[in-house]
Amino acid sequence: MIETAHTARMQQAFDCAHKERAQILAKLVSWLFGKRDVPLGQSVLTEPSRCA
């Protein structure tokens, strides 16, 4: 987004809003594509474990 600040206070507000948007976007991407640790049950496994 292109924003033109006419005062230092407006520039500070734009910078703060930009940081907040970036944090929210990062959390959203992390939630969407992040690793989810979900243990598998025995009925889900397709073949027996070779480690046991």
N, C-alpha and C. Protein backbone atom coordinates (compact mmCIF):
# COMPACT_ATOMS: atom_id res chain seq x y z
N MET A 1 0.84 -1.16 0.00
CA MET A 1 0.00 0.00 0.00
C MET A 1 0.89 1.23 0.00
N ILE A 2 0.57 2.18 -0.83
CA ILE A 2 1.34 3.42 -0.90
C ILE A 2 0.63 4.46 -0.03
N GLU A 3 1.37 4.96 0.94
CA GLU A 3 0.82 5.95 1.86
C GLU A 3 1.75 7.14 1.92
N THR A 4 1.19 8.32 1.87
CA THR A 4 1.98 9.54 1.95
C THR A 4 1.67 10.22 3.27
N ALA A 5 2.69 10.34 4.11
CA ALA A 5 2.50 10.98 5.40
C ALA A 5 2.85 12.46 5.29
N HIS A 6 1.98 13.28 5.84
CA HIS A 6 2.22 14.72 5.82
C HIS A 6 2.91 15.20 7.09
N THR A 7 2.87 14.37 8.12
CA THR A 7 3.53 14.72 9.38
C THR A 7 4.29 13.51 9.90
N ALA A 8 5.18 13.76 10.84
CA ALA A 8 5.94 12.67 11.46
C ALA A 8 5.03 11.73 12.23
N ARG A 9 3.99 12.28 12.83
CA ARG A 9 3.04 11.46 13.60
C ARG A 9 2.29 10.51 12.67
N MET A 10 1.89 11.00 11.50
CA MET A 10 1.22 10.13 10.54
C MET A 10 2.16 9.04 10.05
N GLN A 11 3.42 9.38 9.79
CA GLN A 11 4.40 8.39 9.35
C GLN A 11 4.58 7.31 10.40
N GLN A 12 4.63 7.71 11.66
CA GLN A 12 4.77 6.75 12.76
C GLN A 12 3.55 5.83 12.80
N ALA A 13 2.37 6.38 12.62
CA ALA A 13 1.15 5.57 12.61
C ALA A 13 1.15 4.59 11.44
N PHE A 14 1.57 5.05 10.26
CA PHE A 14 1.66 4.16 9.10
C PHE A 14 2.64 3.03 9.34
N ASP A 15 3.79 3.36 9.93
CA ASP A 15 4.81 2.33 10.22
C ASP A 15 4.28 1.30 11.21
N CYS A 16 3.59 1.77 12.24
CA CYS A 16 3.03 0.87 13.24
C CYS A 16 1.97 -0.04 12.60
N ALA A 17 1.11 0.52 11.79
CA ALA A 17 0.08 -0.28 11.12
C ALA A 17 0.71 -1.30 10.17
N HIS A 18 1.77 -0.91 9.48
CA HIS A 18 2.45 -1.82 8.57
C HIS A 18 3.04 -3.00 9.34
N LYS A 19 3.66 -2.74 10.48
CA LYS A 19 4.23 -3.81 11.30
C LYS A 19 3.13 -4.75 11.80
N GLU A 20 2.01 -4.20 12.22
CA GLU A 20 0.91 -5.04 12.69
C GLU A 20 0.35 -5.91 11.58
N ARG A 21 0.18 -5.35 10.38
CA ARG A 21 -0.30 -6.14 9.23
C ARG A 21 0.68 -7.25 8.89
N ALA A 22 1.97 -6.94 8.94
CA ALA A 22 2.99 -7.95 8.64
C ALA A 22 2.94 -9.09 9.65
N GLN A 23 2.76 -8.77 10.93
CA GLN A 23 2.68 -9.80 11.96
C GLN A 23 1.45 -10.69 11.76
N ILE A 24 0.33 -10.07 11.45
CA ILE A 24 -0.90 -10.84 11.23
C ILE A 24 -0.75 -11.75 10.02
N LEU A 25 -0.17 -11.23 8.95
CA LEU A 25 0.04 -12.04 7.75
C LEU A 25 0.99 -13.21 8.04
N ALA A 26 2.05 -12.96 8.79
CA ALA A 26 3.00 -14.02 9.13
C ALA A 26 2.32 -15.10 9.97
N LYS A 27 1.48 -14.70 10.91
CA LYS A 27 0.76 -15.68 11.74
C LYS A 27 -0.21 -16.49 10.89
N LEU A 28 -0.88 -15.84 9.96
CA LEU A 28 -1.82 -16.53 9.09
C LEU A 28 -1.10 -17.56 8.22
N VAL A 29 0.01 -17.18 7.62
CA VAL A 29 0.77 -18.10 6.77
C VAL A 29 1.30 -19.25 7.61
N SER A 30 1.78 -18.95 8.81
CA SER A 30 2.27 -19.99 9.70
C SER A 30 1.16 -20.97 10.07
N TRP A 31 -0.04 -20.43 10.32
CA TRP A 31 -1.16 -21.29 10.68
C TRP A 31 -1.59 -22.15 9.49
N LEU A 32 -1.60 -21.57 8.31
CA LEU A 32 -2.03 -22.31 7.12
C LEU A 32 -1.05 -23.40 6.72
N PHE A 33 0.24 -23.06 6.73
CA PHE A 33 1.24 -23.98 6.20
C PHE A 33 2.17 -24.55 7.26
N GLY A 34 1.92 -24.23 8.51
CA GLY A 34 2.79 -24.70 9.58
C GLY A 34 2.67 -26.19 9.82
N LYS A 35 3.65 -26.74 10.47
CA LYS A 35 3.68 -28.16 10.78
C LYS A 35 2.67 -28.44 11.89
N ARG A 36 1.86 -29.41 11.67
CA ARG A 36 0.92 -29.84 12.69
C ARG A 36 1.32 -31.22 13.16
N ASP A 37 1.55 -31.38 14.43
CA ASP A 37 1.96 -32.65 15.00
C ASP A 37 0.71 -33.45 15.38
N VAL A 38 0.34 -34.36 14.49
CA VAL A 38 -0.84 -35.17 14.73
C VAL A 38 -0.41 -36.64 14.74
N PRO A 39 -0.50 -37.28 15.89
CA PRO A 39 -0.10 -38.69 15.94
C PRO A 39 -1.10 -39.58 15.19
N LEU A 40 -0.58 -40.59 14.56
CA LEU A 40 -1.44 -41.52 13.81
C LEU A 40 -1.88 -42.66 14.71
N GLY A 41 -3.11 -43.07 14.55
CA GLY A 41 -3.61 -44.23 15.27
C GLY A 41 -3.26 -45.50 14.52
N GLN A 42 -3.40 -46.64 15.17
CA GLN A 42 -3.07 -47.93 14.55
C GLN A 42 -3.96 -48.19 13.34
N SER A 43 -5.19 -47.76 13.39
CA SER A 43 -6.09 -48.03 12.26
C SER A 43 -5.73 -47.20 11.03
N VAL A 44 -4.90 -46.17 11.21
CA VAL A 44 -4.54 -45.31 10.09
C VAL A 44 -3.30 -45.83 9.37
N LEU A 45 -2.44 -46.54 10.07
CA LEU A 45 -1.21 -47.02 9.46
C LEU A 45 -1.52 -48.07 8.40
N THR A 46 -0.80 -48.00 7.28
CA THR A 46 -1.07 -48.93 6.18
C THR A 46 -0.20 -50.17 6.22
N GLU A 47 0.92 -50.10 6.92
CA GLU A 47 1.78 -51.28 7.06
C GLU A 47 2.43 -51.24 8.42
N PRO A 48 2.81 -52.38 8.96
CA PRO A 48 3.41 -52.39 10.30
C PRO A 48 4.77 -51.68 10.31
N SER A 49 5.11 -51.17 11.45
CA SER A 49 6.38 -50.48 11.61
C SER A 49 7.53 -51.46 11.51
N ARG A 50 8.61 -51.06 10.84
CA ARG A 50 9.81 -51.90 10.73
C ARG A 50 10.73 -51.70 11.92
N CYS A 51 10.44 -50.70 12.74
CA CYS A 51 11.30 -50.40 13.89
C CYS A 51 10.95 -51.24 15.10
N ALA A 52 9.76 -51.76 15.16
CA ALA A 52 9.31 -52.50 16.36
C ALA A 52 9.69 -53.96 16.28
